[in-house]
Protein backbone atom coordinates (compact mmCIF):
# COMPACT_ATOMS: atom_id res chain seq x y z
CA UNK A 1 58.56 105.94 128.13
CA UNK A 2 55.27 105.77 129.97
CA UNK A 3 53.66 102.34 129.83
CA UNK A 4 50.38 101.06 131.09
CA UNK A 5 49.92 97.54 132.39
CA UNK A 6 50.76 94.93 129.77
CA UNK A 7 48.73 91.76 129.36
CA UNK A 8 49.90 88.68 127.50
CA UNK A 9 47.02 87.01 125.70
CA UNK A 10 47.35 83.68 123.88
CA UNK A 11 44.40 82.59 121.76
CA UNK A 12 44.02 79.39 119.75
CA UNK A 13 41.65 78.77 116.85
CA UNK A 14 40.89 75.20 115.78
CA UNK A 15 38.87 76.16 112.73
CA UNK A 16 39.14 79.93 112.71
CA UNK A 17 36.64 81.58 110.43
CA UNK A 18 38.21 85.01 110.21
CA UNK A 19 35.79 87.60 108.88
CA UNK A 20 37.63 90.67 110.16
CA UNK A 21 35.62 91.01 113.38
CA UNK A 22 38.67 90.62 115.64
CA UNK A 23 40.78 93.05 113.62
CA UNK A 24 37.93 95.58 113.56
CA UNK A 25 37.63 95.45 117.34
CA UNK A 26 41.39 95.76 117.84
CA UNK A 27 41.37 98.76 115.50
CA UNK A 28 38.52 100.39 117.43
CA UNK A 29 40.27 99.91 120.77
CA UNK A 30 43.55 101.26 119.36
CA UNK A 31 41.88 104.28 117.72
CA UNK A 32 40.35 105.25 121.07
CA UNK A 33 43.73 104.81 122.85
CA UNK A 34 42.20 102.13 125.08
CA UNK A 35 44.91 99.63 124.17
CA UNK A 36 48.14 99.56 122.22
CA UNK A 37 49.55 96.42 120.62
CA UNK A 38 53.05 96.09 121.99
CA UNK A 39 53.41 93.04 119.78
CA UNK A 40 51.11 90.58 118.05
CA UNK A 41 52.22 87.33 116.46
CA UNK A 42 49.66 85.32 114.47
CA UNK A 43 50.60 81.90 113.13
CA UNK A 44 48.45 79.65 110.94
CA UNK A 45 49.20 76.12 109.80
CA UNK A 46 47.32 74.73 106.81
CA UNK A 47 46.24 71.09 106.45
CA UNK A 48 49.56 70.26 104.72
CA UNK A 49 51.55 71.72 107.62
CA UNK A 50 52.65 74.88 105.77
CA UNK A 51 53.12 77.77 108.18
CA UNK A 52 52.24 81.42 107.63
CA UNK A 53 53.02 84.09 110.20
CA UNK A 54 52.07 87.74 110.57
CA UNK A 55 53.45 90.12 113.16
CA UNK A 56 52.34 93.63 114.08
CA UNK A 57 53.37 96.18 116.67
CA UNK A 58 52.08 99.69 117.35
CA UNK A 59 55.48 100.61 118.79
CA UNK A 60 58.07 102.53 116.82
CA UNK A 61 61.55 101.03 116.68
CA UNK A 62 62.65 103.45 119.42
CA UNK A 63 59.67 102.51 121.62
CA UNK A 64 60.34 98.79 121.05
CA UNK A 65 63.95 99.32 122.15
CA UNK A 66 62.81 101.27 125.23
CA UNK A 67 60.22 98.61 126.08
CA UNK A 68 62.84 95.88 125.59
CA UNK A 69 65.29 97.77 127.81
CA UNK A 70 62.68 98.20 130.55
CA UNK A 71 61.56 94.57 130.45
CA UNK A 72 65.17 93.36 130.26
CA UNK A 73 66.21 95.54 133.20
CA UNK A 74 63.38 94.20 135.35
CA UNK A 75 64.18 90.60 134.44
CA UNK A 76 67.89 91.21 135.05
CA UNK A 77 67.20 92.89 138.39
CA UNK A 78 65.27 89.85 139.55
CA UNK A 79 67.91 87.45 138.29
CA UNK A 80 71.11 89.19 139.38
CA UNK A 81 70.46 92.49 141.14
CA UNK A 82 71.75 95.82 139.82
CA UNK A 83 74.39 94.27 137.57
CA UNK A 84 71.75 92.02 136.08
CA UNK A 85 69.46 95.00 135.52
CA UNK A 86 72.11 96.81 133.51
CA UNK A 87 72.94 93.76 131.40
CA UNK A 88 69.23 93.00 130.95
CA UNK A 89 68.50 96.55 129.79
CA UNK A 90 71.21 96.32 127.14
CA UNK A 91 70.06 92.90 125.94
CA UNK A 92 66.41 93.99 125.92
CA UNK A 93 67.15 97.12 123.91
CA UNK A 94 69.10 95.04 121.38
CA UNK A 95 66.23 92.56 121.13
CA UNK A 96 63.81 95.42 120.38
CA UNK A 97 66.09 97.01 117.77
CA UNK A 98 64.21 95.29 114.95
CA UNK A 99 60.96 96.89 116.14
CA UNK A 100 59.67 93.60 117.54
CA UNK A 101 59.23 92.61 121.14
CA UNK A 102 57.84 89.10 120.82
CA UNK A 103 58.74 87.43 117.63
CA UNK A 104 61.85 86.04 116.19
CA UNK A 105 62.03 83.00 113.95
CA UNK A 106 62.26 80.72 116.99
CA UNK A 107 59.00 82.07 118.41
CA UNK A 108 57.20 81.53 115.10
CA UNK A 109 58.36 77.93 114.88
CA UNK A 110 57.69 77.26 118.56
CA UNK A 111 54.12 78.45 118.15
CA UNK A 112 53.75 76.58 114.86
CA UNK A 113 54.94 73.36 116.52
CA UNK A 114 52.32 73.79 119.25
CA UNK A 115 49.32 73.89 116.89
CA UNK A 116 47.92 71.08 114.77
CA UNK A 117 47.47 71.32 110.98
CA UNK A 118 44.44 73.42 110.08
CA UNK A 119 44.69 75.53 113.24
CA UNK A 120 46.04 78.92 114.13
CA UNK A 121 47.10 80.83 117.22
CA UNK A 122 47.94 84.35 118.27
CA UNK A 123 50.12 85.75 121.03
CA UNK A 124 49.57 89.38 121.87
CA UNK A 125 51.17 91.77 124.31
CA UNK A 126 48.48 94.37 124.92
CA UNK A 127 49.19 97.59 126.77
CA UNK A 128 46.13 98.84 128.64
CA UNK A 129 46.38 102.58 127.99
CA UNK A 130 43.12 103.33 129.83
CA UNK A 131 44.76 102.24 133.09
CA UNK A 132 47.56 104.85 133.05
CA UNK A 133 45.51 107.78 134.47
CA UNK A 134 43.94 105.50 137.09
CA UNK A 135 47.34 104.15 138.14
CA UNK A 136 48.74 107.69 138.34
CA UNK A 137 45.78 108.89 140.43
CA UNK A 138 46.20 105.99 142.86
CA UNK A 139 49.92 106.75 143.21
CA UNK A 140 49.28 110.50 143.66
CA UNK A 141 46.80 109.69 146.44
CA UNK A 142 49.45 107.53 148.16
CA UNK A 143 47.73 104.27 147.31
CA UNK A 144 49.50 100.98 146.65
CA UNK A 145 48.26 98.06 144.63
CA UNK A 146 47.60 95.17 146.98
CA UNK A 147 46.13 92.71 144.47
CA UNK A 148 45.99 93.03 140.69
CA UNK A 149 44.39 90.11 138.89
CA UNK A 150 41.80 89.33 136.26
CA UNK A 151 38.65 87.52 137.37
CA UNK A 152 37.22 85.38 134.58
CA UNK A 153 33.72 83.85 134.51
CA UNK A 154 35.33 80.41 134.92
CA UNK A 155 36.91 81.61 138.18
CA UNK A 156 33.49 82.45 139.59
CA UNK A 157 32.13 79.07 138.51
CA UNK A 158 35.05 77.36 140.29
CA UNK A 159 34.44 79.37 143.48
CA UNK A 160 30.74 78.48 143.33
CA UNK A 161 31.55 74.81 142.79
CA UNK A 162 33.92 74.82 145.75
CA UNK A 163 31.32 76.51 147.93
CA UNK A 164 28.67 74.06 146.75
CA UNK A 165 30.80 71.01 147.54
CA UNK A 166 31.77 72.44 150.93
CA UNK A 167 28.11 72.76 151.88
CA UNK A 168 27.37 69.12 150.97
């Protein structure tokens, strides 16, 4: 299974006014093979504390098992070497057997406990499909990733603030 880089994105909505704009953009990105939703868990809690959850994945059951095996093997390798990798691959594949990577009932309730009544939140694992050809080209050219990070506008503000206070 070829996978692009996977980003975990957690978004909270205090008073989400959902008009379909987010879903439309996700659909557009998926249709153009820019991203793939490895897993998406959306949880909403009404004012009375009642919880509703929706989950979606673009992965087939087989792909979810392969993704789970890969992630489990990497976690196991880090925790206990080769033996851990083998055990992690088996556990990860079993976890993905239901076609889900993120959510089980515990995840839903954990997320629901973290949000106040009237709010909602989403956790998404997003595979960046656009990055696969770039990654492959870098590897073919003998390149190695030295740093791989997202730079957010807030990061630039923090750097500017630090530079400004250093000059004072």
